[in-house]
């Protein structure tokens, strides 16, 4: 079952193909300050429903990950990232991580939160 989500002002709206089974809390400096809980998808499972120019991109450090945020209200929305499941970036298997706090009509308390020690991993 598809889920929709949006930033606060709805200038950035998106859809994913299914609800996440888990969400990830990363302890790195950026994710901790942002407060996101990430749900991971392959690109074919994600659809941006609003114009791409409504999304601004922030990159830091190695510039490997593109952190998207609404250009109007500033909500952190989604990222474009290589698969890091092995501990190394796999650029052949990109992922879209969606801020699950932005999903519409979704019980976030019903899914497991997995913690990644990003503070010490990168």
PDB file of N, CA and C in Angstrom:
ATOM      1  N   UNK A   1       0.830  -1.180   0.000  1.00  0.00           N
ATOM      2  CA  UNK A   1       0.000   0.000   0.000  1.00  0.00           C
ATOM      3  C   UNK A   1       0.878   1.248   0.000  1.00  0.00           C
ATOM      4  N   UNK A   2       0.649   2.136  -0.942  1.00  0.00           N
ATOM      5  CA  UNK A   2       1.443   3.354  -1.074  1.00  0.00           C
ATOM      6  C   UNK A   2       1.158   4.316   0.080  1.00  0.00           C
ATOM      7  N   UNK A   3       2.186   5.090   0.426  1.00  0.00           N
ATOM      8  CA  UNK A   3       2.074   6.136   1.442  1.00  0.00           C
ATOM      9  C   UNK A   3       2.451   7.464   0.798  1.00  0.00           C
ATOM     10  N   UNK A   4       1.795   8.518   1.223  1.00  0.00           N
ATOM     11  CA  UNK A   4       2.178   9.855   0.792  1.00  0.00           C
ATOM     12  C   UNK A   4       2.760  10.604   1.977  1.00  0.00           C
ATOM     13  N   UNK A   5       3.476  11.656   1.659  1.00  0.00           N
ATOM     14  CA  UNK A   5       4.041  12.509   2.688  1.00  0.00           C
ATOM     15  C   UNK A   5       4.323  13.880   2.120  1.00  0.00           C
ATOM     16  N   UNK A   6       4.586  14.811   3.022  1.00  0.00           N
ATOM     17  CA  UNK A   6       4.883  16.173   2.570  1.00  0.00           C
ATOM     18  C   UNK A   6       5.616  16.932   3.659  1.00  0.00           C
ATOM     19  N   UNK A   7       6.215  18.027   3.219  1.00  0.00           N
ATOM     20  CA  UNK A   7       6.805  18.964   4.169  1.00  0.00           C
ATOM     21  C   UNK A   7       5.665  19.727   4.848  1.00  0.00           C
ATOM     22  N   UNK A   8       5.985  20.651   5.713  1.00  0.00           N
ATOM     23  CA  UNK A   8       4.977  21.407   6.455  1.00  0.00           C
ATOM     24  C   UNK A   8       4.076  22.228   5.545  1.00  0.00           C
ATOM     25  N   UNK A   9       4.648  22.887   4.538  1.00  0.00           N
ATOM     26  CA  UNK A   9       3.854  23.787   3.680  1.00  0.00           C
ATOM     27  C   UNK A   9       3.281  23.087   2.445  1.00  0.00           C
ATOM     28  N   UNK A  10       3.623  21.830   2.245  1.00  0.00           N
ATOM     29  CA  UNK A  10       3.173  21.001   1.117  1.00  0.00           C
ATOM     30  C   UNK A  10       3.740  21.418  -0.241  1.00  0.00           C
ATOM     31  N   UNK A  11       4.787  22.239  -0.232  1.00  0.00           N
ATOM     32  CA  UNK A  11       5.457  22.568  -1.490  1.00  0.00           C
ATOM     33  C   UNK A  11       6.276  21.379  -1.986  1.00  0.00           C
ATOM     34  N   UNK A  12       6.652  20.474  -1.068  1.00  0.00           N
ATOM     35  CA  UNK A  12       7.344  19.240  -1.423  1.00  0.00           C
ATOM     36  C   UNK A  12       6.473  18.072  -0.967  1.00  0.00           C
ATOM     37  N   UNK A  13       5.954  17.327  -1.934  1.00  0.00           N
ATOM     38  CA  UNK A  13       5.107  16.174  -1.647  1.00  0.00           C
ATOM     39  C   UNK A  13       5.685  14.958  -2.360  1.00  0.00           C
ATOM     40  N   UNK A  14       5.524  13.787  -1.760  1.00  0.00           N
ATOM     41  CA  UNK A  14       6.108  12.572  -2.324  1.00  0.00           C
ATOM     42  C   UNK A  14       5.237  11.376  -2.008  1.00  0.00           C
ATOM     43  N   UNK A  15       5.576  10.264  -2.648  1.00  0.00           N
ATOM     44  CA  UNK A  15       4.875   8.998  -2.442  1.00  0.00           C
ATOM     45  C   UNK A  15       5.908   7.882  -2.418  1.00  0.00           C
ATOM     46  N   UNK A  16       5.684   6.907  -1.568  1.00  0.00           N
ATOM     47  CA  UNK A  16       6.504   5.692  -1.555  1.00  0.00           C
ATOM     48  C   UNK A  16       5.573   4.504  -1.777  1.00  0.00           C
ATOM     49  N   UNK A  17       6.125   3.424  -2.288  1.00  0.00           N
ATOM     50  CA  UNK A  17       5.301   2.284  -2.693  1.00  0.00           C
ATOM     51  C   UNK A  17       4.747   1.468  -1.534  1.00  0.00           C
ATOM     52  N   UNK A  18       5.378   1.568  -0.367  1.00  0.00           N
ATOM     53  CA  UNK A  18       4.928   0.764   0.776  1.00  0.00           C
ATOM     54  C   UNK A  18       5.387   1.381   2.079  1.00  0.00           C
ATOM     55  N   UNK A  19       4.730   1.005   3.150  1.00  0.00           N
ATOM     56  CA  UNK A  19       5.111   1.468   4.484  1.00  0.00           C
ATOM     57  C   UNK A  19       6.431   0.817   4.891  1.00  0.00           C
ATOM     58  N   UNK A  20       7.247   1.517   5.644  1.00  0.00           N
ATOM     59  CA  UNK A  20       8.503   0.909   6.106  1.00  0.00           C
ATOM     60  C   UNK A  20       8.238  -0.104   7.215  1.00  0.00           C
ATOM     61  N   UNK A  21       9.075  -1.142   7.256  1.00  0.00           N
ATOM     62  CA  UNK A  21       8.995  -2.122   8.350  1.00  0.00           C
ATOM     63  C   UNK A  21       9.798  -1.645   9.555  1.00  0.00           C
ATOM     64  N   UNK A  22      10.857  -0.873   9.274  1.00  0.00           N
ATOM     65  CA  UNK A  22      11.672  -0.252  10.314  1.00  0.00           C
ATOM     66  C   UNK A  22      12.013   1.158   9.846  1.00  0.00           C
ATOM     67  N   UNK A  23      12.437   1.990  10.782  1.00  0.00           N
ATOM     68  CA  UNK A  23      12.984   3.304  10.460  1.00  0.00           C
ATOM     69  C   UNK A  23      14.315   3.426  11.189  1.00  0.00           C
ATOM     70  N   UNK A  24      15.172   4.292  10.670  1.00  0.00           N
ATOM     71  CA  UNK A  24      16.523   4.401  11.199  1.00  0.00           C
ATOM     72  C   UNK A  24      16.768   5.771  11.813  1.00  0.00           C
ATOM     73  N   UNK A  25      17.308   5.750  13.025  1.00  0.00           N
ATOM     74  CA  UNK A  25      17.789   6.964  13.668  1.00  0.00           C
ATOM     75  C   UNK A  25      19.301   6.935  13.592  1.00  0.00           C
ATOM     76  N   UNK A  26      19.873   7.880  12.877  1.00  0.00           N
ATOM     77  CA  UNK A  26      21.324   7.987  12.744  1.00  0.00           C
ATOM     78  C   UNK A  26      21.825   9.030  13.734  1.00  0.00           C
ATOM     79  N   UNK A  27      22.920   8.711  14.425  1.00  0.00           N
ATOM     80  CA  UNK A  27      23.450   9.610  15.447  1.00  0.00           C
ATOM     81  C   UNK A  27      24.512  10.574  14.926  1.00  0.00           C
ATOM     82  N   UNK A  28      24.719  10.630  13.597  1.00  0.00           N
ATOM     83  CA  UNK A  28      25.711  11.573  13.077  1.00  0.00           C
ATOM     84  C   UNK A  28      25.273  13.003  13.405  1.00  0.00           C
ATOM     85  N   UNK A  29      26.192  13.942  13.286  1.00  0.00           N
ATOM     86  CA  UNK A  29      25.899  15.318  13.672  1.00  0.00           C
ATOM     87  C   UNK A  29      24.743  15.908  12.875  1.00  0.00           C
ATOM     88  N   UNK A  30      24.650  15.614  11.591  1.00  0.00           N
ATOM     89  CA  UNK A  30      23.587  16.189  10.769  1.00  0.00           C
ATOM     90  C   UNK A  30      22.234  15.572  11.095  1.00  0.00           C
ATOM     91  N   UNK A  31      22.147  14.255  11.113  1.00  0.00           N
ATOM     92  CA  UNK A  31      20.869  13.587  11.380  1.00  0.00           C
ATOM     93  C   UNK A  31      20.364  13.874  12.791  1.00  0.00           C
ATOM     94  N   UNK A  32      21.275  13.938  13.758  1.00  0.00           N
ATOM     95  CA  UNK A  32      20.865  14.236  15.131  1.00  0.00           C
ATOM     96  C   UNK A  32      20.235  15.616  15.225  1.00  0.00           C
ATOM     97  N   UNK A  33      20.839  16.581  14.562  1.00  0.00           N
ATOM     98  CA  UNK A  33      20.289  17.936  14.594  1.00  0.00           C
ATOM     99  C   UNK A  33      18.978  18.030  13.814  1.00  0.00           C
ATOM    100  N   UNK A  34      18.856  17.250  12.760  1.00  0.00           N
ATOM    101  CA  UNK A  34      17.645  17.275  11.932  1.00  0.00           C
ATOM    102  C   UNK A  34      16.495  16.539  12.611  1.00  0.00           C
ATOM    103  N   UNK A  35      16.786  15.473  13.351  1.00  0.00           N
ATOM    104  CA  UNK A  35      15.752  14.735  14.062  1.00  0.00           C
ATOM    105  C   UNK A  35      14.939  13.783  13.207  1.00  0.00           C
ATOM    106  N   UNK A  36      15.460  13.437  12.057  1.00  0.00           N
ATOM    107  CA  UNK A  36      14.725  12.559  11.142  1.00  0.00           C
ATOM    108  C   UNK A  36      14.772  11.105  11.581  1.00  0.00           C
ATOM    109  N   UNK A  37      13.756  10.372  11.194  1.00  0.00           N
ATOM    110  CA  UNK A  37      13.749   8.915  11.273  1.00  0.00           C
ATOM    111  C   UNK A  37      13.622   8.449   9.829  1.00  0.00           C
ATOM    112  N   UNK A  38      14.656   7.780   9.324  1.00  0.00           N
ATOM    113  CA  UNK A  38      14.762   7.476   7.898  1.00  0.00           C
ATOM    114  C   UNK A  38      14.129   6.144   7.532  1.00  0.00           C
ATOM    115  N   UNK A  39      13.351   6.154   6.475  1.00  0.00           N
ATOM    116  CA  UNK A  39      12.811   4.942   5.854  1.00  0.00           C
ATOM    117  C   UNK A  39      13.508   4.813   4.506  1.00  0.00           C
ATOM    118  N   UNK A  40      14.073   3.642   4.216  1.00  0.00           N
ATOM    119  CA  UNK A  40      14.903   3.457   3.017  1.00  0.00           C
ATOM    120  C   UNK A  40      14.145   2.747   1.901  1.00  0.00           C
ATOM    121  N   UNK A  41      14.370   3.252   0.690  1.00  0.00           N
ATOM    122  CA  UNK A  41      13.716   2.718  -0.509  1.00  0.00           C
ATOM    123  C   UNK A  41      14.695   2.704  -1.670  1.00  0.00           C
ATOM    124  N   UNK A  42      14.437   1.841  -2.642  1.00  0.00           N
ATOM    125  CA  UNK A  42      15.161   1.927  -3.915  1.00  0.00           C
ATOM    126  C   UNK A  42      14.471   3.030  -4.716  1.00  0.00           C
ATOM    127  N   UNK A  43      15.185   3.671  -5.638  1.00  0.00           N
ATOM    128  CA  UNK A  43      14.596   4.807  -6.360  1.00  0.00           C
ATOM    129  C   UNK A  43      13.255   4.528  -7.029  1.00  0.00           C
ATOM    130  N   UNK A  44      13.040   3.316  -7.520  1.00  0.00           N
ATOM    131  CA  UNK A  44      11.765   3.005  -8.186  1.00  0.00           C
ATOM    132  C   UNK A  44      10.584   2.995  -7.209  1.00  0.00           C
ATOM    133  N   UNK A  45      10.846   2.959  -5.904  1.00  0.00           N
ATOM    134  CA  UNK A  45       9.779   2.954  -4.899  1.00  0.00           C
ATOM    135  C   UNK A  45       9.404   4.361  -4.432  1.00  0.00           C
ATOM    136  N   UNK A  46      10.090   5.375  -4.927  1.00  0.00           N
ATOM    137  CA  UNK A  46       9.894   6.760  -4.503  1.00  0.00           C
ATOM    138  C   UNK A  46       9.458   7.611  -5.685  1.00  0.00           C
ATOM    139  N   UNK A  47       8.492   8.482  -5.449  1.00  0.00           N
ATOM    140  CA  UNK A  47       8.053   9.396  -6.507  1.00  0.00           C
ATOM    141  C   UNK A  47       7.857  10.782  -5.911  1.00  0.00           C
ATOM    142  N   UNK A  48       8.557  11.755  -6.457  1.00  0.00           N
ATOM    143  CA  UNK A  48       8.362  13.148  -6.076  1.00  0.00           C
ATOM    144  C   UNK A  48       7.119  13.644  -6.802  1.00  0.00           C
ATOM    145  N   UNK A  49       6.151  14.169  -6.068  1.00  0.00           N
ATOM    146  CA  UNK A  49       4.868  14.567  -6.647  1.00  0.00           C
ATOM    147  C   UNK A  49       4.806  16.058  -6.986  1.00  0.00           C
ATOM    148  N   UNK A  50       5.785  16.796  -6.583  1.00  0.00           N
ATOM    149  CA  UNK A  50       5.825  18.236  -6.819  1.00  0.00           C
ATOM    150  C   UNK A  50       7.062  18.570  -7.647  1.00  0.00           C
ATOM    151  N   UNK A  51       7.150  19.766  -8.194  1.00  0.00           N
ATOM    152  CA  UNK A  51       8.300  20.108  -9.038  1.00  0.00           C
ATOM    153  C   UNK A  51       9.632  19.964  -8.299  1.00  0.00           C
ATOM    154  N   UNK A  52      10.646  19.417  -8.972  1.00  0.00           N
ATOM    155  CA  UNK A  52      11.949  19.229  -8.319  1.00  0.00           C
ATOM    156  C   UNK A  52      12.581  20.537  -7.855  1.00  0.00           C
ATOM    157  N   UNK A  53      12.240  21.646  -8.475  1.00  0.00           N
ATOM    158  CA  UNK A  53      12.809  22.922  -8.041  1.00  0.00           C
ATOM    159  C   UNK A  53      12.296  23.358  -6.663  1.00  0.00           C
ATOM    160  N   UNK A  54      11.282  22.666  -6.124  1.00  0.00           N
ATOM    161  CA  UNK A  54      10.823  22.941  -4.767  1.00  0.00           C
ATOM    162  C   UNK A  54      11.732  22.314  -3.716  1.00  0.00           C
ATOM    163  N   UNK A  55      12.673  21.494  -4.159  1.00  0.00           N
ATOM    164  CA  UNK A  55      13.601  20.810  -3.251  1.00  0.00           C
ATOM    165  C   UNK A  55      14.983  21.442  -3.370  1.00  0.00           C
ATOM    166  N   UNK A  56      15.536  21.841  -2.241  1.00  0.00           N
ATOM    167  CA  UNK A  56      16.920  22.310  -2.189  1.00  0.00           C
ATOM    168  C   UNK A  56      17.778  21.159  -1.689  1.00  0.00           C
ATOM    169  N   UNK A  57      19.050  21.200  -2.032  1.00  0.00           N
ATOM    170  CA  UNK A  57      19.974  20.116  -1.679  1.00  0.00           C
ATOM    171  C   UNK A  57      21.112  20.665  -0.821  1.00  0.00           C
ATOM    172  N   UNK A  58      21.438  19.927   0.227  1.00  0.00           N
ATOM    173  CA  UNK A  58      22.594  20.228   1.065  1.00  0.00           C
ATOM    174  C   UNK A  58      23.530  19.028   1.025  1.00  0.00           C
ATOM    175  N   UNK A  59      24.806  19.271   0.776  1.00  0.00           N
ATOM    176  CA  UNK A  59      25.822  18.218   0.816  1.00  0.00           C
ATOM    177  C   UNK A  59      26.964  18.695   1.696  1.00  0.00           C
ATOM    178  N   UNK A  60      27.516  17.782   2.466  1.00  0.00           N
ATOM    179  CA  UNK A  60      28.656  18.149   3.304  1.00  0.00           C
ATOM    180  C   UNK A  60      29.695  17.041   3.263  1.00  0.00           C
ATOM    181  N   UNK A  61      30.830  17.307   3.860  1.00  0.00           N
ATOM    182  CA  UNK A  61      31.899  16.304   3.933  1.00  0.00           C
ATOM    183  C   UNK A  61      32.307  15.797   2.567  1.00  0.00           C
ATOM    184  N   UNK A  62      32.118  14.515   2.328  1.00  0.00           N
ATOM    185  CA  UNK A  62      32.530  13.882   1.071  1.00  0.00           C
ATOM    186  C   UNK A  62      31.584  14.209  -0.084  1.00  0.00           C
ATOM    187  N   UNK A  63      30.490  14.876   0.200  1.00  0.00           N
ATOM    188  CA  UNK A  63      29.482  15.246  -0.805  1.00  0.00           C
ATOM    189  C   UNK A  63      28.868  14.003  -1.459  1.00  0.00           C
ATOM    190  N   UNK A  64      28.869  12.895  -0.737  1.00  0.00           N
ATOM    191  CA  UNK A  64      28.350  11.622  -1.234  1.00  0.00           C
ATOM    192  C   UNK A  64      26.830  11.560  -1.164  1.00  0.00           C
ATOM    193  N   UNK A  65      26.257  12.169  -0.144  1.00  0.00           N
ATOM    194  CA  UNK A  65      24.822  12.113   0.094  1.00  0.00           C
ATOM    195  C   UNK A  65      24.203  13.477  -0.219  1.00  0.00           C
ATOM    196  N   UNK A  66      23.077  13.452  -0.929  1.00  0.00           N
ATOM    197  CA  UNK A  66      22.329  14.673  -1.221  1.00  0.00           C
ATOM    198  C   UNK A  66      21.150  14.744  -0.259  1.00  0.00           C
ATOM    199  N   UNK A  67      21.214  15.676   0.678  1.00  0.00           N
ATOM    200  CA  UNK A  67      20.160  15.853   1.669  1.00  0.00           C
ATOM    201  C   UNK A  67      19.150  16.857   1.136  1.00  0.00           C
ATOM    202  N   UNK A  68      17.931  16.398   0.874  1.00  0.00           N
ATOM    203  CA  UNK A  68      16.900  17.281   0.351  1.00  0.00           C
ATOM    204  C   UNK A  68      16.109  17.951   1.454  1.00  0.00           C
ATOM    205  N   UNK A  69      15.722  19.191   1.193  1.00  0.00           N
ATOM    206  CA  UNK A  69      14.839  19.908   2.104  1.00  0.00           C
ATOM    207  C   UNK A  69      13.961  20.855   1.295  1.00  0.00           C
ATOM    208  N   UNK A  70      12.798  21.179   1.832  1.00  0.00           N
ATOM    209  CA  UNK A  70      11.868  22.042   1.124  1.00  0.00           C
ATOM    210  C   UNK A  70      12.466  23.436   0.989  1.00  0.00           C
ATOM    211  N   UNK A  71      12.459  23.958  -0.225  1.00  0.00           N
ATOM    212  CA  UNK A  71      13.004  25.293  -0.490  1.00  0.00           C
ATOM    213  C   UNK A  71      12.108  26.391   0.084  1.00  0.00           C
ATOM    214  N   UNK A  72      10.891  26.047   0.494  1.00  0.00           N
ATOM    215  CA  UNK A  72       9.966  27.045   1.027  1.00  0.00           C
ATOM    216  C   UNK A  72       9.969  27.041   2.554  1.00  0.00           C
ATOM    217  N   UNK A  73       9.644  25.892   3.184  1.00  0.00           N
ATOM    218  CA  UNK A  73       9.514  25.857   4.642  1.00  0.00           C
ATOM    219  C   UNK A  73      10.731  25.287   5.361  1.00  0.00           C
ATOM    220  N   UNK A  74      11.647  24.632   4.640  1.00  0.00           N
ATOM    221  CA  UNK A  74      12.884  24.148   5.231  1.00  0.00           C
ATOM    222  C   UNK A  74      12.848  22.751   5.829  1.00  0.00           C
ATOM    223  N   UNK A  75      11.722  22.060   5.801  1.00  0.00           N
ATOM    224  CA  UNK A  75      11.654  20.699   6.357  1.00  0.00           C
ATOM    225  C   UNK A  75      12.596  19.765   5.613  1.00  0.00           C
ATOM    226  N   UNK A  76      13.348  18.955   6.356  1.00  0.00           N
ATOM    227  CA  UNK A  76      14.167  17.907   5.761  1.00  0.00           C
ATOM    228  C   UNK A  76      13.266  16.815   5.237  1.00  0.00           C
ATOM    229  N   UNK A  77      13.341  16.500   3.947  1.00  0.00           N
ATOM    230  CA  UNK A  77      12.367  15.622   3.314  1.00  0.00           C
ATOM    231  C   UNK A  77      12.912  14.251   2.944  1.00  0.00           C
ATOM    232  N   UNK A  78      13.965  14.209   2.122  1.00  0.00           N
ATOM    233  CA  UNK A  78      14.522  12.934   1.678  1.00  0.00           C
ATOM    234  C   UNK A  78      15.971  13.122   1.279  1.00  0.00           C
ATOM    235  N   UNK A  79      16.683  12.003   1.180  1.00  0.00           N
ATOM    236  CA  UNK A  79      18.079  12.042   0.738  1.00  0.00           C
ATOM    237  C   UNK A  79      18.267  11.075  -0.419  1.00  0.00           C
ATOM    238  N   UNK A  80      19.255  11.360  -1.227  1.00  0.00           N
ATOM    239  CA  UNK A  80      19.716  10.445  -2.264  1.00  0.00           C
ATOM    240  C   UNK A  80      21.096   9.991  -1.817  1.00  0.00           C
ATOM    241  N   UNK A  81      21.258   8.681  -1.667  1.00  0.00           N
ATOM    242  CA  UNK A  81      22.470   8.142  -1.067  1.00  0.00           C
ATOM    243  C   UNK A  81      22.842   6.805  -1.704  1.00  0.00           C
ATOM    244  N   UNK A  82      24.121   6.478  -1.728  1.00  0.00           N
ATOM    245  CA  UNK A  82      24.465   5.101  -2.103  1.00  0.00           C
ATOM    246  C   UNK A  82      24.049   4.162  -0.970  1.00  0.00           C
ATOM    247  N   UNK A  83      23.934   2.891  -1.263  1.00  0.00           N
ATOM    248  CA  UNK A  83      23.643   1.882  -0.239  1.00  0.00           C
ATOM    249  C   UNK A  83      24.876   1.760   0.653  1.00  0.00           C
ATOM    250  N   UNK A  84      24.696   1.943   1.952  1.00  0.00           N
ATOM    251  CA  UNK A  84      25.796   1.826   2.918  1.00  0.00           C
ATOM    252  C   UNK A  84      25.663   0.573   3.785  1.00  0.00           C
ATOM    253  N   UNK A  85      24.830  -0.386   3.397  1.00  0.00           N
ATOM    254  CA  UNK A  85      24.548  -1.531   4.257  1.00  0.00           C
ATOM    255  C   UNK A  85      25.775  -2.385   4.560  1.00  0.00           C
ATOM    256  N   UNK A  86      26.809  -2.329   3.710  1.00  0.00           N
ATOM    257  CA  UNK A  86      28.034  -3.087   3.973  1.00  0.00           C
ATOM    258  C   UNK A  86      29.066  -2.257   4.727  1.00  0.00           C
ATOM    259  N   UNK A  87      28.752  -0.991   4.993  1.00  0.00           N
ATOM    260  CA  UNK A  87      29.704  -0.099   5.655  1.00  0.00           C
ATOM    261  C   UNK A  87      30.466   0.771   4.664  1.00  0.00           C
ATOM    262  N   UNK A  88      30.421   0.422   3.400  1.00  0.00           N
ATOM    263  CA  UNK A  88      31.076   1.192   2.338  1.00  0.00           C
ATOM    264  C   UNK A  88      30.005   1.668   1.354  1.00  0.00           C
ATOM    265  N   UNK A  89      30.212   2.838   0.724  1.00  0.00           N
ATOM    266  CA  UNK A  89      29.206   3.306  -0.237  1.00  0.00           C
ATOM    267  C   UNK A  89      29.165   2.442  -1.494  1.00  0.00           C
ATOM    268  N   UNK A  90      27.971   1.953  -1.827  1.00  0.00           N
ATOM    269  CA  UNK A  90      27.758   1.174  -3.036  1.00  0.00           C
ATOM    270  C   UNK A  90      26.988   2.059  -4.021  1.00  0.00           C
ATOM    271  N   UNK A  91      27.731   2.707  -4.904  1.00  0.00           N
ATOM    272  CA  UNK A  91      27.138   3.669  -5.834  1.00  0.00           C
ATOM    273  C   UNK A  91      26.300   2.991  -6.913  1.00  0.00           C
ATOM    274  N   UNK A  92      26.455   1.682  -7.091  1.00  0.00           N
ATOM    275  CA  UNK A  92      25.649   0.951  -8.070  1.00  0.00           C
ATOM    276  C   UNK A  92      24.257   0.630  -7.544  1.00  0.00           C
ATOM    277  N   UNK A  93      24.041   0.830  -6.261  1.00  0.00           N
ATOM    278  CA  UNK A  93      22.750   0.548  -5.627  1.00  0.00           C
ATOM    279  C   UNK A  93      22.285   1.756  -4.820  1.00  0.00           C
ATOM    280  N   UNK A  94      21.812   2.776  -5.502  1.00  0.00           N
ATOM    281  CA  UNK A  94      21.379   3.979  -4.786  1.00  0.00           C
ATOM    282  C   UNK A  94      20.141   3.725  -3.940  1.00  0.00           C
ATOM    283  N   UNK A  95      19.972   4.530  -2.935  1.00  0.00           N
ATOM    284  CA  UNK A  95      18.821   4.476  -2.051  1.00  0.00           C
ATOM    285  C   UNK A  95      18.243   5.884  -1.913  1.00  0.00           C
ATOM    286  N   UNK A  96      16.970   5.907  -1.624  1.00  0.00           N
ATOM    287  CA  UNK A  96      16.297   7.142  -1.233  1.00  0.00           C
ATOM    288  C   UNK A  96      15.866   6.928   0.212  1.00  0.00           C
ATOM    289  N   UNK A  97      16.318   7.787   1.086  1.00  0.00           N
ATOM    290  CA  UNK A  97      15.849   7.705   2.468  1.00  0.00           C
ATOM    291  C   UNK A  97      14.871   8.853   2.682  1.00  0.00           C
ATOM    292  N   UNK A  98      13.724   8.513   3.206  1.00  0.00           N
ATOM    293  CA  UNK A  98      12.635   9.458   3.379  1.00  0.00           C
ATOM    294  C   UNK A  98      12.461   9.730   4.868  1.00  0.00           C
ATOM    295  N   UNK A  99      12.273  10.997   5.210  1.00  0.00           N
ATOM    296  CA  UNK A  99      11.998  11.354   6.590  1.00  0.00           C
ATOM    297  C   UNK A  99      10.603  10.848   6.944  1.00  0.00           C
ATOM    298  N   UNK A 100      10.534   9.740   7.658  1.00  0.00           N
ATOM    299  CA  UNK A 100       9.257   9.086   7.933  1.00  0.00           C
ATOM    300  C   UNK A 100       8.353   9.921   8.836  1.00  0.00           C
ATOM    301  N   UNK A 101       8.891  10.944   9.478  1.00  0.00           N
ATOM    302  CA  UNK A 101       8.053  11.832  10.282  1.00  0.00           C
ATOM    303  C   UNK A 101       7.093  12.640   9.404  1.00  0.00           C
ATOM    304  N   UNK A 102       7.340  12.655   8.100  1.00  0.00           N
ATOM    305  CA  UNK A 102       6.518  13.437   7.177  1.00  0.00           C
ATOM    306  C   UNK A 102       5.417  12.619   6.506  1.00  0.00           C
ATOM    307  N   UNK A 103       5.334  11.315   6.775  1.00  0.00           N
ATOM    308  CA  UNK A 103       4.287  10.495   6.174  1.00  0.00           C
ATOM    309  C   UNK A 103       2.906  10.929   6.677  1.00  0.00           C
ATOM    310  N   UNK A 104       1.936  10.907   5.773  1.00  0.00           N
ATOM    311  CA  UNK A 104       0.549  11.196   6.121  1.00  0.00           C
ATOM    312  C   UNK A 104      -0.105   9.918   6.652  1.00  0.00           C
ATOM    313  N   UNK A 105      -0.913  10.055   7.675  1.00  0.00           N
ATOM    314  CA  UNK A 105      -1.723   8.934   8.180  1.00  0.00           C
ATOM    315  C   UNK A 105      -0.906   7.661   8.380  1.00  0.00           C
ATOM    316  N   UNK A 106       0.201   7.786   9.090  1.00  0.00           N
ATOM    317  CA  UNK A 106       1.070   6.645   9.346  1.00  0.00           C
ATOM    318  C   UNK A 106       1.398   6.608  10.832  1.00  0.00           C
ATOM    319  N   UNK A 107       1.251   5.446  11.447  1.00  0.00           N
ATOM    320  CA  UNK A 107       1.538   5.271  12.868  1.00  0.00           C
ATOM    321  C   UNK A 107       3.020   4.955  13.041  1.00  0.00           C
ATOM    322  N   UNK A 108       3.813   5.979  13.206  1.00  0.00           N
ATOM    323  CA  UNK A 108       5.258   5.823  13.339  1.00  0.00           C
ATOM    324  C   UNK A 108       5.635   5.038  14.593  1.00  0.00           C
ATOM    325  N   UNK A 109       4.807   5.094  15.616  1.00  0.00           N
ATOM    326  CA  UNK A 109       5.083   4.343  16.848  1.00  0.00           C
ATOM    327  C   UNK A 109       4.953   2.834  16.659  1.00  0.00           C
ATOM    328  N   UNK A 110       4.364   2.400  15.547  1.00  0.00           N
ATOM    329  CA  UNK A 110       4.139   0.969  15.307  1.00  0.00           C
ATOM    330  C   UNK A 110       5.325   0.275  14.642  1.00  0.00           C
ATOM    331  N   UNK A 111       6.369   1.028  14.274  1.00  0.00           N
ATOM    332  CA  UNK A 111       7.523   0.409  13.621  1.00  0.00           C
ATOM    333  C   UNK A 111       8.756   0.499  14.512  1.00  0.00           C
ATOM    334  N   UNK A 112       9.623  -0.471  14.339  1.00  0.00           N
ATOM    335  CA  UNK A 112      10.872  -0.531  15.094  1.00  0.00           C
ATOM    336  C   UNK A 112      11.818   0.585  14.651  1.00  0.00           C
ATOM    337  N   UNK A 113      12.481   1.203  15.620  1.00  0.00           N
ATOM    338  CA  UNK A 113      13.507   2.204  15.336  1.00  0.00           C
ATOM    339  C   UNK A 113      14.873   1.541  15.495  1.00  0.00           C
ATOM    340  N   UNK A 114      15.652   1.554  14.423  1.00  0.00           N
ATOM    341  CA  UNK A 114      16.999   0.994  14.420  1.00  0.00           C
ATOM    342  C   UNK A 114      17.978   2.162  14.555  1.00  0.00           C
ATOM    343  N   UNK A 115      18.917   2.059  15.489  1.00  0.00           N
ATOM    344  CA  UNK A 115      19.887   3.130  15.704  1.00  0.00           C
ATOM    345  C   UNK A 115      21.184   2.782  14.988  1.00  0.00           C
ATOM    346  N   UNK A 116      21.687   3.734  14.204  1.00  0.00           N
ATOM    347  CA  UNK A 116      22.992   3.604  13.551  1.00  0.00           C
ATOM    348  C   UNK A 116      23.933   4.607  14.208  1.00  0.00           C
ATOM    349  N   UNK A 117      25.090   4.144  14.631  1.00  0.00           N
ATOM    350  CA  UNK A 117      26.065   4.991  15.308  1.00  0.00           C
ATOM    351  C   UNK A 117      26.865   5.818  14.290  1.00  0.00           C
ATOM    352  N   UNK A 118      26.177   6.686  13.572  1.00  0.00           N
ATOM    353  CA  UNK A 118      26.824   7.525  12.571  1.00  0.00           C
ATOM    354  C   UNK A 118      27.845   8.475  13.167  1.00  0.00           C
ATOM    355  N   UNK A 119      27.688   8.815  14.435  1.00  0.00           N
ATOM    356  CA  UNK A 119      28.631   9.714  15.104  1.00  0.00           C
ATOM    357  C   UNK A 119      30.044   9.121  15.090  1.00  0.00           C
ATOM    358  N   UNK A 120      30.132   7.794  15.203  1.00  0.00           N
ATOM    359  CA  UNK A 120      31.447   7.156  15.241  1.00  0.00           C
ATOM    360  C   UNK A 120      31.815   6.411  13.955  1.00  0.00           C
ATOM    361  N   UNK A 121      30.842   6.223  13.048  1.00  0.00           N
ATOM    362  CA  UNK A 121      31.122   5.488  11.814  1.00  0.00           C
ATOM    363  C   UNK A 121      31.668   6.390  10.714  1.00  0.00           C
ATOM    364  N   UNK A 122      31.237   7.632  10.654  1.00  0.00           N
ATOM    365  CA  UNK A 122      31.727   8.531   9.602  1.00  0.00           C
ATOM    366  C   UNK A 122      31.856   9.929  10.079  1.00  0.00           C
TER     367      UNK A 122
END
